Amino acid sequence: ITDLSQGEYDDLLKYLAENQSNNGNMMIRARCAPHFARFVHQ
């Protein structure tokens, strides 16, 4: 399978970090993407 490009990968992680608390009690998380920690901290 063709994976996401590095730019697409980062754009999606950034979106997930920005929207973690915008859906009531539902948590939003990235899995198999440790870089998510950086986006959450930023």
PDB file of all heavy atoms in Angstrom:
ATOM      1  N   ILE A   1       0.839  -1.198   0.000  1.00  0.00           N
ATOM      2  CA  ILE A   1       0.000   0.000   0.000  1.00  0.00           C
ATOM      3  C   ILE A   1       0.876   1.251   0.000  1.00  0.00           C
ATOM      4  O   ILE A   1       1.878   1.329   0.708  1.00  0.00           O
ATOM      5  CB  ILE A   1      -0.929   0.018   1.226  1.00  0.00           C
ATOM      6  CG1 ILE A   1      -1.876  -1.183   1.178  1.00  0.00           C
ATOM      7  CG2 ILE A   1      -1.727   1.306   1.298  1.00  0.00           C
ATOM      8  CD1 ILE A   1      -2.812  -1.268   2.365  1.00  0.00           C
ATOM      9  N   THR A   2       0.490   2.229  -0.794  1.00  0.00           N
ATOM     10  CA  THR A   2       1.198   3.505  -0.804  1.00  0.00           C
ATOM     11  C   THR A   2       0.836   4.286   0.456  1.00  0.00           C
ATOM     12  O   THR A   2      -0.324   4.606   0.697  1.00  0.00           O
ATOM     13  CB  THR A   2       0.829   4.334  -2.045  1.00  0.00           C
ATOM     14  OG1 THR A   2       1.143   3.573  -3.200  1.00  0.00           O
ATOM     15  CG2 THR A   2       1.605   5.639  -2.068  1.00  0.00           C
ATOM     16  N   ASP A   3       1.831   4.570   1.275  1.00  0.00           N
ATOM     17  CA  ASP A   3       1.602   5.278   2.527  1.00  0.00           C
ATOM     18  C   ASP A   3       1.380   6.761   2.254  1.00  0.00           C
ATOM     19  O   ASP A   3       1.607   7.272   1.152  1.00  0.00           O
ATOM     20  CB  ASP A   3       2.808   5.084   3.446  1.00  0.00           C
ATOM     21  CG  ASP A   3       2.500   5.386   4.896  1.00  0.00           C
ATOM     22  OD1 ASP A   3       1.344   5.744   5.183  1.00  0.00           O
ATOM     23  OD2 ASP A   3       3.411   5.259   5.729  1.00  0.00           O
ATOM     24  N   LEU A   4       0.941   7.492   3.298  1.00  0.00           N
ATOM     25  CA  LEU A   4       0.826   8.940   3.192  1.00  0.00           C
ATOM     26  C   LEU A   4       2.205   9.545   2.953  1.00  0.00           C
ATOM     27  O   LEU A   4       3.223   9.012   3.398  1.00  0.00           O
ATOM     28  CB  LEU A   4       0.246   9.506   4.495  1.00  0.00           C
ATOM     29  CG  LEU A   4      -1.156   9.058   4.927  1.00  0.00           C
ATOM     30  CD1 LEU A   4      -1.494   9.665   6.273  1.00  0.00           C
ATOM     31  CD2 LEU A   4      -2.187   9.448   3.892  1.00  0.00           C
ATOM     32  N   SER A   5       2.230  10.673   2.272  1.00  0.00           N
ATOM     33  CA  SER A   5       3.492  11.395   2.141  1.00  0.00           C
ATOM     34  C   SER A   5       3.843  11.972   3.505  1.00  0.00           C
ATOM     35  O   SER A   5       2.996  12.048   4.407  1.00  0.00           O
ATOM     36  CB  SER A   5       3.360  12.518   1.121  1.00  0.00           C
ATOM     37  OG  SER A   5       2.518  13.553   1.630  1.00  0.00           O
ATOM     38  N   GLN A   6       5.084  12.386   3.688  1.00  0.00           N
ATOM     39  CA  GLN A   6       5.488  12.947   4.972  1.00  0.00           C
ATOM     40  C   GLN A   6       4.689  14.206   5.301  1.00  0.00           C
ATOM     41  O   GLN A   6       4.335  14.437   6.459  1.00  0.00           O
ATOM     42  CB  GLN A   6       6.988  13.242   4.947  1.00  0.00           C
ATOM     43  CG  GLN A   6       7.843  11.980   4.913  1.00  0.00           C
ATOM     44  CD  GLN A   6       9.320  12.273   4.816  1.00  0.00           C
ATOM     45  OE1 GLN A   6       9.737  13.235   4.184  1.00  0.00           O
ATOM     46  NE2 GLN A   6      10.138  11.439   5.452  1.00  0.00           N
ATOM     47  N   GLY A   7       4.388  15.004   4.293  1.00  0.00           N
ATOM     48  CA  GLY A   7       3.595  16.199   4.521  1.00  0.00           C
ATOM     49  C   GLY A   7       2.166  15.870   4.934  1.00  0.00           C
ATOM     50  O   GLY A   7       1.602  16.486   5.853  1.00  0.00           O
ATOM     51  N   GLU A   8       1.560  14.896   4.248  1.00  0.00           N
ATOM     52  CA  GLU A   8       0.202  14.469   4.588  1.00  0.00           C
ATOM     53  C   GLU A   8       0.155  13.869   5.992  1.00  0.00           C
ATOM     54  O   GLU A   8      -0.783  14.098   6.763  1.00  0.00           O
ATOM     55  CB  GLU A   8      -0.291  13.447   3.557  1.00  0.00           C
ATOM     56  CG  GLU A   8      -0.521  14.039   2.171  1.00  0.00           C
ATOM     57  CD  GLU A   8      -0.664  12.980   1.097  1.00  0.00           C
ATOM     58  OE1 GLU A   8      -0.243  11.814   1.335  1.00  0.00           O
ATOM     59  OE2 GLU A   8      -1.170  13.299   0.008  1.00  0.00           O
ATOM     60  N   TYR A   9       1.177  13.109   6.310  1.00  0.00           N
ATOM     61  CA  TYR A   9       1.308  12.483   7.632  1.00  0.00           C
ATOM     62  C   TYR A   9       1.283  13.552   8.728  1.00  0.00           C
ATOM     63  O   TYR A   9       0.514  13.472   9.694  1.00  0.00           O
ATOM     64  CB  TYR A   9       2.625  11.722   7.641  1.00  0.00           C
ATOM     65  CG  TYR A   9       2.944  10.863   8.837  1.00  0.00           C
ATOM     66  CD1 TYR A   9       2.652   9.512   8.842  1.00  0.00           C
ATOM     67  CD2 TYR A   9       3.589  11.394   9.950  1.00  0.00           C
ATOM     68  CE1 TYR A   9       2.981   8.702   9.920  1.00  0.00           C
ATOM     69  CE2 TYR A   9       3.916  10.605  11.032  1.00  0.00           C
ATOM     70  CZ  TYR A   9       3.615   9.259  11.013  1.00  0.00           C
ATOM     71  OH  TYR A   9       3.943   8.466  12.090  1.00  0.00           O
ATOM     72  N   ASP A  10       2.119  14.583   8.561  1.00  0.00           N
ATOM     73  CA  ASP A  10       2.189  15.652   9.561  1.00  0.00           C
ATOM     74  C   ASP A  10       0.915  16.480   9.610  1.00  0.00           C
ATOM     75  O   ASP A  10       0.465  16.881  10.691  1.00  0.00           O
ATOM     76  CB  ASP A  10       3.387  16.558   9.276  1.00  0.00           C
ATOM     77  CG  ASP A  10       4.677  16.013   9.877  1.00  0.00           C
ATOM     78  OD1 ASP A  10       4.718  14.807  10.191  1.00  0.00           O
ATOM     79  OD2 ASP A  10       5.641  16.789  10.043  1.00  0.00           O
ATOM     80  N   ASP A  11       0.332  16.750   8.466  1.00  0.00           N
ATOM     81  CA  ASP A  11      -0.908  17.541   8.436  1.00  0.00           C
ATOM     82  C   ASP A  11      -2.024  16.840   9.201  1.00  0.00           C
ATOM     83  O   ASP A  11      -2.779  17.480   9.943  1.00  0.00           O
ATOM     84  CB  ASP A  11      -1.352  17.776   6.981  1.00  0.00           C
ATOM     85  CG  ASP A  11      -0.488  18.798   6.271  1.00  0.00           C
ATOM     86  OD1 ASP A  11       0.263  19.529   6.942  1.00  0.00           O
ATOM     87  OD2 ASP A  11      -0.568  18.856   5.018  1.00  0.00           O
ATOM     88  N   LEU A  12      -2.119  15.512   9.041  1.00  0.00           N
ATOM     89  CA  LEU A  12      -3.164  14.764   9.728  1.00  0.00           C
ATOM     90  C   LEU A  12      -2.902  14.714  11.234  1.00  0.00           C
ATOM     91  O   LEU A  12      -3.825  14.876  12.041  1.00  0.00           O
ATOM     92  CB  LEU A  12      -3.269  13.350   9.155  1.00  0.00           C
ATOM     93  CG  LEU A  12      -4.367  12.459   9.741  1.00  0.00           C
ATOM     94  CD1 LEU A  12      -5.727  13.166   9.716  1.00  0.00           C
ATOM     95  CD2 LEU A  12      -4.448  11.142   8.975  1.00  0.00           C
ATOM     96  N   LEU A  13      -1.649  14.520  11.628  1.00  0.00           N
ATOM     97  CA  LEU A  13      -1.323  14.519  13.053  1.00  0.00           C
ATOM     98  C   LEU A  13      -1.644  15.868  13.690  1.00  0.00           C
ATOM     99  O   LEU A  13      -2.169  15.934  14.810  1.00  0.00           O
ATOM    100  CB  LEU A  13       0.158  14.188  13.261  1.00  0.00           C
ATOM    101  CG  LEU A  13       0.572  12.734  13.048  1.00  0.00           C
ATOM    102  CD1 LEU A  13       2.074  12.583  13.201  1.00  0.00           C
ATOM    103  CD2 LEU A  13      -0.141  11.808  14.019  1.00  0.00           C
ATOM    104  N   LYS A  14      -1.338  16.931  12.991  1.00  0.00           N
ATOM    105  CA  LYS A  14      -1.625  18.274  13.504  1.00  0.00           C
ATOM    106  C   LYS A  14      -3.131  18.457  13.675  1.00  0.00           C
ATOM    107  O   LYS A  14      -3.600  19.003  14.690  1.00  0.00           O
ATOM    108  CB  LYS A  14      -1.067  19.333  12.551  1.00  0.00           C
ATOM    109  CG  LYS A  14      -1.188  20.776  13.053  1.00  0.00           C
ATOM    110  CD  LYS A  14      -0.462  21.725  12.102  1.00  0.00           C
ATOM    111  CE  LYS A  14      -0.430  23.136  12.664  1.00  0.00           C
ATOM    112  NZ  LYS A  14      -1.768  23.730  12.790  1.00  0.00           N
ATOM    113  N   TYR A  15      -3.906  17.989  12.713  1.00  0.00           N
ATOM    114  CA  TYR A  15      -5.364  18.105  12.795  1.00  0.00           C
ATOM    115  C   TYR A  15      -5.895  17.332  14.001  1.00  0.00           C
ATOM    116  O   TYR A  15      -6.758  17.829  14.743  1.00  0.00           O
ATOM    117  CB  TYR A  15      -6.004  17.576  11.511  1.00  0.00           C
ATOM    118  CG  TYR A  15      -7.517  17.558  11.564  1.00  0.00           C
ATOM    119  CD1 TYR A  15      -8.245  18.711  11.287  1.00  0.00           C
ATOM    120  CD2 TYR A  15      -8.206  16.403  11.927  1.00  0.00           C
ATOM    121  CE1 TYR A  15      -9.639  18.706  11.367  1.00  0.00           C
ATOM    122  CE2 TYR A  15      -9.593  16.386  12.005  1.00  0.00           C
ATOM    123  CZ  TYR A  15     -10.302  17.545  11.726  1.00  0.00           C
ATOM    124  OH  TYR A  15     -11.667  17.541  11.816  1.00  0.00           O
ATOM    125  N   LEU A  16      -5.391  16.131  14.205  1.00  0.00           N
ATOM    126  CA  LEU A  16      -5.849  15.310  15.331  1.00  0.00           C
ATOM    127  C   LEU A  16      -5.498  15.968  16.666  1.00  0.00           C
ATOM    128  O   LEU A  16      -6.292  15.948  17.614  1.00  0.00           O
ATOM    129  CB  LEU A  16      -5.233  13.917  15.252  1.00  0.00           C
ATOM    130  CG  LEU A  16      -5.633  13.062  14.047  1.00  0.00           C
ATOM    131  CD1 LEU A  16      -4.873  11.736  14.057  1.00  0.00           C
ATOM    132  CD2 LEU A  16      -7.133  12.806  14.016  1.00  0.00           C
ATOM    133  N   ALA A  17      -4.305  16.551  16.742  1.00  0.00           N
ATOM    134  CA  ALA A  17      -3.894  17.229  17.982  1.00  0.00           C
ATOM    135  C   ALA A  17      -4.783  18.437  18.269  1.00  0.00           C
ATOM    136  O   ALA A  17      -5.139  18.700  19.419  1.00  0.00           O
ATOM    137  CB  ALA A  17      -2.431  17.657  17.883  1.00  0.00           C
ATOM    138  N   GLU A  18      -5.148  19.154  17.229  1.00  0.00           N
ATOM    139  CA  GLU A  18      -5.960  20.357  17.392  1.00  0.00           C
ATOM    140  C   GLU A  18      -7.404  20.037  17.770  1.00  0.00           C
ATOM    141  O   GLU A  18      -8.104  20.884  18.335  1.00  0.00           O
ATOM    142  CB  GLU A  18      -5.947  21.177  16.107  1.00  0.00           C
ATOM    143  CG  GLU A  18      -4.598  21.792  15.777  1.00  0.00           C
ATOM    144  CD  GLU A  18      -4.583  22.429  14.388  1.00  0.00           C
ATOM    145  OE1 GLU A  18      -5.503  22.141  13.587  1.00  0.00           O
ATOM    146  OE2 GLU A  18      -3.644  23.197  14.108  1.00  0.00           O
ATOM    147  N   ASN A  19      -7.853  18.827  17.462  1.00  0.00           N
ATOM    148  CA  ASN A  19      -9.271  18.498  17.644  1.00  0.00           C
ATOM    149  C   ASN A  19      -9.538  17.460  18.726  1.00  0.00           C
ATOM    150  O   ASN A  19     -10.634  16.909  18.797  1.00  0.00           O
ATOM    151  CB  ASN A  19      -9.849  18.006  16.316  1.00  0.00           C
ATOM    152  CG  ASN A  19     -10.046  19.132  15.327  1.00  0.00           C
ATOM    153  OD1 ASN A  19     -11.065  19.809  15.325  1.00  0.00           O
ATOM    154  ND2 ASN A  19      -9.051  19.344  14.476  1.00  0.00           N
ATOM    155  N   GLN A  20      -8.581  17.227  19.586  1.00  0.00           N
ATOM    156  CA  GLN A  20      -8.751  16.212  20.626  1.00  0.00           C
ATOM    157  C   GLN A  20      -9.948  16.467  21.534  1.00  0.00           C
ATOM    158  O   GLN A  20     -10.632  15.541  21.945  1.00  0.00           O
ATOM    159  CB  GLN A  20      -7.497  16.134  21.498  1.00  0.00           C
ATOM    160  CG  GLN A  20      -6.352  15.392  20.866  1.00  0.00           C
ATOM    161  CD  GLN A  20      -5.239  15.219  21.856  1.00  0.00           C
ATOM    162  OE1 GLN A  20      -5.167  14.232  22.575  1.00  0.00           O
ATOM    163  NE2 GLN A  20      -4.359  16.201  21.910  1.00  0.00           N
ATOM    164  N   SER A  21     -10.196  17.716  21.868  1.00  0.00           N
ATOM    165  CA  SER A  21     -11.231  18.021  22.863  1.00  0.00           C
ATOM    166  C   SER A  21     -12.461  18.674  22.251  1.00  0.00           C
ATOM    167  O   SER A  21     -13.236  19.317  22.950  1.00  0.00           O
ATOM    168  CB  SER A  21     -10.647  18.935  23.947  1.00  0.00           C
ATOM    169  OG  SER A  21     -10.149  20.131  23.369  1.00  0.00           O
ATOM    170  N   ASN A  22     -12.657  18.484  20.953  1.00  0.00           N
ATOM    171  CA  ASN A  22     -13.781  19.145  20.277  1.00  0.00           C
ATOM    172  C   ASN A  22     -14.971  18.220  20.021  1.00  0.00           C
ATOM    173  O   ASN A  22     -15.887  18.592  19.290  1.00  0.00           O
ATOM    174  CB  ASN A  22     -13.312  19.728  18.931  1.00  0.00           C
ATOM    175  CG  ASN A  22     -12.300  20.844  19.116  1.00  0.00           C
ATOM    176  OD1 ASN A  22     -12.217  21.444  20.183  1.00  0.00           O
ATOM    177  ND2 ASN A  22     -11.528  21.122  18.077  1.00  0.00           N
ATOM    178  N   ASN A  23     -14.949  17.046  20.626  1.00  0.00           N
ATOM    179  CA  ASN A  23     -16.017  16.080  20.345  1.00  0.00           C
ATOM    180  C   ASN A  23     -16.582  15.477  21.627  1.00  0.00           C
ATOM    181  O   ASN A  23     -16.684  14.258  21.783  1.00  0.00           O
ATOM    182  CB  ASN A  23     -15.497  14.982  19.416  1.00  0.00           C
ATOM    183  CG  ASN A  23     -15.251  15.485  18.013  1.00  0.00           C
ATOM    184  OD1 ASN A  23     -16.148  15.491  17.176  1.00  0.00           O
ATOM    185  ND2 ASN A  23     -14.028  15.938  17.759  1.00  0.00           N
ATOM    186  N   GLY A  24     -16.959  16.349  22.557  1.00  0.00           N
ATOM    187  CA  GLY A  24     -17.552  15.902  23.803  1.00  0.00           C
ATOM    188  C   GLY A  24     -16.598  15.041  24.601  1.00  0.00           C
ATOM    189  O   GLY A  24     -15.435  15.403  24.801  1.00  0.00           O
ATOM    190  N   ASN A  25     -17.070  13.886  25.051  1.00  0.00           N
ATOM    191  CA  ASN A  25     -16.253  12.986  25.862  1.00  0.00           C
ATOM    192  C   ASN A  25     -15.450  12.001  25.029  1.00  0.00           C
ATOM    193  O   ASN A  25     -14.734  11.168  25.579  1.00  0.00           O
ATOM    194  CB  ASN A  25     -17.146  12.221  26.843  1.00  0.00           C
ATOM    195  CG  ASN A  25     -17.776  13.129  27.878  1.00  0.00           C
ATOM    196  OD1 ASN A  25     -17.150  14.084  28.325  1.00  0.00           O
ATOM    197  ND2 ASN A  25     -19.013  12.843  28.250  1.00  0.00           N
ATOM    198  N   MET A  26     -15.567  12.057  23.709  1.00  0.00           N
ATOM    199  CA  MET A  26     -14.837  11.118  22.865  1.00  0.00           C
ATOM    200  C   MET A  26     -13.383  11.558  22.708  1.00  0.00           C
ATOM    201  O   MET A  26     -13.103  12.685  22.311  1.00  0.00           O
ATOM    202  CB  MET A  26     -15.492  11.012  21.484  1.00  0.00           C
ATOM    203  CG  MET A  26     -14.880   9.916  20.622  1.00  0.00           C
ATOM    204  SD  MET A  26     -15.595   9.832  18.961  1.00  0.00           S
ATOM    205  CE  MET A  26     -14.748  11.212  18.162  1.00  0.00           C
ATOM    206  N   MET A  27     -12.471  10.655  23.008  1.00  0.00           N
ATOM    207  CA  MET A  27     -11.052  10.927  22.839  1.00  0.00           C
ATOM    208  C   MET A  27     -10.645  10.686  21.383  1.00  0.00           C
ATOM    209  O   MET A  27     -11.181   9.800  20.721  1.00  0.00           O
ATOM    210  CB  MET A  27     -10.227  10.017  23.746  1.00  0.00           C
ATOM    211  CG  MET A  27     -10.553  10.147  25.226  1.00  0.00           C
ATOM    212  SD  MET A  27     -10.090  11.754  25.914  1.00  0.00           S
ATOM    213  CE  MET A  27      -8.308  11.647  25.832  1.00  0.00           C
ATOM    214  N   ILE A  28      -9.717  11.485  20.904  1.00  0.00           N
ATOM    215  CA  ILE A  28      -9.168  11.328  19.561  1.00  0.00           C
ATOM    216  C   ILE A  28      -7.679  11.063  19.690  1.00  0.00           C
ATOM    217  O   ILE A  28      -6.951  11.863  20.299  1.00  0.00           O
ATOM    218  CB  ILE A  28      -9.417  12.574  18.696  1.00  0.00           C
ATOM    219  CG1 ILE A  28     -10.925  12.818  18.552  1.00  0.00           C
ATOM    220  CG2 ILE A  28      -8.761  12.422  17.331  1.00  0.00           C
ATOM    221  CD1 ILE A  28     -11.255  14.095  17.825  1.00  0.00           C
ATOM    222  N   ARG A  29      -7.233   9.959  19.121  1.00  0.00           N
ATOM    223  CA  ARG A  29      -5.836   9.574  19.293  1.00  0.00           C
ATOM    224  C   ARG A  29      -5.232   9.047  17.992  1.00  0.00           C
ATOM    225  O   ARG A  29      -5.925   8.462  17.156  1.00  0.00           O
ATOM    226  CB  ARG A  29      -5.715   8.489  20.368  1.00  0.00           C
ATOM    227  CG  ARG A  29      -5.928   9.010  21.794  1.00  0.00           C
ATOM    228  CD  ARG A  29      -4.750   9.880  22.212  1.00  0.00           C
ATOM    229  NE  ARG A  29      -4.920  10.423  23.537  1.00  0.00           N
ATOM    230  CZ  ARG A  29      -5.387  11.633  23.791  1.00  0.00           C
ATOM    231  NH1 ARG A  29      -5.760  12.402  22.796  1.00  0.00           N
ATOM    232  NH2 ARG A  29      -5.478  12.077  25.026  1.00  0.00           N
ATOM    233  N   ALA A  30      -3.930   9.243  17.857  1.00  0.00           N
ATOM    234  CA  ALA A  30      -3.162   8.675  16.752  1.00  0.00           C
ATOM    235  C   ALA A  30      -2.415   7.459  17.275  1.00  0.00           C
ATOM    236  O   ALA A  30      -1.806   7.509  18.342  1.00  0.00           O
ATOM    237  CB  ALA A  30      -2.176   9.699  16.212  1.00  0.00           C
ATOM    238  N   ARG A  31      -2.473   6.369  16.540  1.00  0.00           N
ATOM    239  CA  ARG A  31      -1.785   5.144  16.928  1.00  0.00           C
ATOM    240  C   ARG A  31      -0.697   4.821  15.906  1.00  0.00           C
ATOM    241  O   ARG A  31      -0.840   5.095  14.726  1.00  0.00           O
ATOM    242  CB  ARG A  31      -2.775   3.976  17.014  1.00  0.00           C
ATOM    243  CG  ARG A  31      -3.904   4.197  18.024  1.00  0.00           C
ATOM    244  CD  ARG A  31      -3.372   4.443  19.412  1.00  0.00           C
ATOM    245  NE  ARG A  31      -4.410   4.498  20.420  1.00  0.00           N
ATOM    246  CZ  ARG A  31      -4.249   5.051  21.611  1.00  0.00           C
ATOM    247  NH1 ARG A  31      -3.096   5.598  21.931  1.00  0.00           N
ATOM    248  NH2 ARG A  31      -5.245   5.056  22.483  1.00  0.00           N
ATOM    249  N   CYS A  32       0.386   4.207  16.398  1.00  0.00           N
ATOM    250  CA  CYS A  32       1.530   3.867  15.541  1.00  0.00           C
ATOM    251  C   CYS A  32       2.091   5.130  14.898  1.00  0.00           C
ATOM    252  O   CYS A  32       2.552   5.115  13.754  1.00  0.00           O
ATOM    253  CB  CYS A  32       1.140   2.844  14.479  1.00  0.00           C
ATOM    254  SG  CYS A  32       0.349   1.384  15.168  1.00  0.00           S
ATOM    255  N   ALA A  33       2.031   6.228  15.643  1.00  0.00           N
ATOM    256  CA  ALA A  33       2.549   7.520  15.184  1.00  0.00           C
ATOM    257  C   ALA A  33       3.091   8.263  16.400  1.00  0.00           C
ATOM    258  O   ALA A  33       2.440   9.183  16.916  1.00  0.00           O
ATOM    259  CB  ALA A  33       1.455   8.320  14.493  1.00  0.00           C
ATOM    260  N   PRO A  34       4.258   7.887  16.905  1.00  0.00           N
ATOM    261  CA  PRO A  34       4.785   8.517  18.122  1.00  0.00           C
ATOM    262  C   PRO A  34       5.000  10.016  17.996  1.00  0.00           C
ATOM    263  O   PRO A  34       5.026  10.733  18.996  1.00  0.00           O
ATOM    264  CB  PRO A  34       6.121   7.789  18.354  1.00  0.00           C
ATOM    265  CG  PRO A  34       6.448   7.140  17.046  1.00  0.00           C
ATOM    266  CD  PRO A  34       5.147   6.827  16.394  1.00  0.00           C
ATOM    267  N   HIS A  35       5.112  10.513  16.758  1.00  0.00           N
ATOM    268  CA  HIS A  35       5.288  11.949  16.536  1.00  0.00           C
ATOM    269  C   HIS A  35       4.089  12.748  17.034  1.00  0.00           C
ATOM    270  O   HIS A  35       4.172  13.967  17.194  1.00  0.00           O
ATOM    271  CB  HIS A  35       5.494  12.222  15.040  1.00  0.00           C
ATOM    272  CG  HIS A  35       6.315  11.188  14.353  1.00  0.00           C
ATOM    273  ND1 HIS A  35       5.763  10.046  13.822  1.00  0.00           N
ATOM    274  CD2 HIS A  35       7.649  11.080  14.146  1.00  0.00           C
ATOM    275  CE1 HIS A  35       6.717   9.290  13.297  1.00  0.00           C
ATOM    276  NE2 HIS A  35       7.862   9.887  13.485  1.00  0.00           N
ATOM    277  N   PHE A  36       2.983  12.061  17.284  1.00  0.00           N
ATOM    278  CA  PHE A  36       1.786  12.719  17.794  1.00  0.00           C
ATOM    279  C   PHE A  36       2.086  13.443  19.104  1.00  0.00           C
ATOM    280  O   PHE A  36       1.500  14.501  19.389  1.00  0.00           O
ATOM    281  CB  PHE A  36       0.690  11.672  18.004  1.00  0.00           C
ATOM    282  CG  PHE A  36      -0.658  12.240  18.368  1.00  0.00           C
ATOM    283  CD1 PHE A  36      -1.270  13.179  17.556  1.00  0.00           C
ATOM    284  CD2 PHE A  36      -1.312  11.825  19.514  1.00  0.00           C
ATOM    285  CE1 PHE A  36      -2.518  13.695  17.877  1.00  0.00           C
ATOM    286  CE2 PHE A  36      -2.562  12.326  19.840  1.00  0.00           C
ATOM    287  CZ  PHE A  36      -3.166  13.264  19.028  1.00  0.00           C
ATOM    288  N   ALA A  37       3.015  12.899  19.904  1.00  0.00           N
ATOM    289  CA  ALA A  37       3.371  13.533  21.177  1.00  0.00           C
ATOM    290  C   ALA A  37       3.897  14.945  20.953  1.00  0.00           C
ATOM    291  O   ALA A  37       3.606  15.866  21.728  1.00  0.00           O
ATOM    292  CB  ALA A  37       4.418  12.689  21.900  1.00  0.00           C
ATOM    293  N   ARG A  38       4.668  15.118  19.883  1.00  0.00           N
ATOM    294  CA  ARG A  38       5.207  16.455  19.582  1.00  0.00           C
ATOM    295  C   ARG A  38       4.094  17.422  19.220  1.00  0.00           C
ATOM    296  O   ARG A  38       4.075  18.564  19.688  1.00  0.00           O
ATOM    297  CB  ARG A  38       6.219  16.350  18.430  1.00  0.00           C
ATOM    298  CG  ARG A  38       6.627  17.691  17.834  1.00  0.00           C
ATOM    299  CD  ARG A  38       7.825  17.539  16.927  1.00  0.00           C
ATOM    300  NE  ARG A  38       7.626  16.574  15.858  1.00  0.00           N
ATOM    301  CZ  ARG A  38       7.071  16.859  14.682  1.00  0.00           C
ATOM    302  NH1 ARG A  38       6.620  18.092  14.438  1.00  0.00           N
ATOM    303  NH2 ARG A  38       6.966  15.936  13.748  1.00  0.00           N
ATOM    304  N   PHE A  39       3.146  16.988  18.419  1.00  0.00           N
ATOM    305  CA  PHE A  39       2.056  17.871  18.006  1.00  0.00           C
ATOM    306  C   PHE A  39       1.162  18.242  19.188  1.00  0.00           C
ATOM    307  O   PHE A  39       0.689  19.371  19.288  1.00  0.00           O
ATOM    308  CB  PHE A  39       1.237  17.214  16.899  1.00  0.00           C
ATOM    309  CG  PHE A  39       1.923  17.217  15.562  1.00  0.00           C
ATOM    310  CD1 PHE A  39       2.693  16.138  15.163  1.00  0.00           C
ATOM    311  CD2 PHE A  39       1.820  18.308  14.723  1.00  0.00           C
ATOM    312  CE1 PHE A  39       3.345  16.150  13.932  1.00  0.00           C
ATOM    313  CE2 PHE A  39       2.455  18.329  13.487  1.00  0.00           C
ATOM    314  CZ  PHE A  39       3.223  17.245  13.097  1.00  0.00           C
ATOM    315  N   VAL A  40       0.925  17.278  20.082  1.00  0.00           N
ATOM    316  CA  VAL A  40       0.120  17.574  21.267  1.00  0.00           C
ATOM    317  C   VAL A  40       0.830  18.605  22.137  1.00  0.00           C
ATOM    318  O   VAL A  40       0.216  19.555  22.630  1.00  0.00           O
ATOM    319  CB  VAL A  40      -0.160  16.287  22.071  1.00  0.00           C
ATOM    320  CG1 VAL A  40      -0.782  16.611  23.428  1.00  0.00           C
ATOM    321  CG2 VAL A  40      -1.080  15.364  21.282  1.00  0.00           C
ATOM    322  N   HIS A  41       2.128  18.430  22.319  1.00  0.00           N
ATOM    323  CA  HIS A  41       2.894  19.378  23.134  1.00  0.00           C
ATOM    324  C   HIS A  41       2.951  20.750  22.482  1.00  0.00           C
ATOM    325  O   HIS A  41       2.850  21.782  23.159  1.00  0.00           O
ATOM    326  CB  HIS A  41       4.312  18.851  23.365  1.00  0.00           C
ATOM    327  CG  HIS A  41       5.127  19.714  24.279  1.00  0.00           C
ATOM    328  ND1 HIS A  41       6.024  20.640  23.828  1.00  0.00           N
ATOM    329  CD2 HIS A  41       5.133  19.805  25.639  1.00  0.00           C
ATOM    330  CE1 HIS A  41       6.578  21.257  24.857  1.00  0.00           C
ATOM    331  NE2 HIS A  41       6.055  20.768  25.961  1.00  0.00           N
ATOM    332  N   GLN A  42       3.089  20.793  21.175  1.00  0.00           N
ATOM    333  CA  GLN A  42       3.121  22.071  20.476  1.00  0.00           C
ATOM    334  C   GLN A  42       1.765  22.768  20.514  1.00  0.00           C
ATOM    335  O   GLN A  42       1.683  23.998  20.539  1.00  0.00           O
ATOM    336  CB  GLN A  42       3.561  21.859  19.025  1.00  0.00           C
ATOM    337  CG  GLN A  42       5.024  21.471  18.886  1.00  0.00           C
ATOM    338  CD  GLN A  42       5.402  21.076  17.468  1.00  0.00           C
ATOM    339  OE1 GLN A  42       4.541  20.733  16.655  1.00  0.00           O
ATOM    340  NE2 GLN A  42       6.694  21.100  17.165  1.00  0.00           N
TER     341      GLN A  42
END
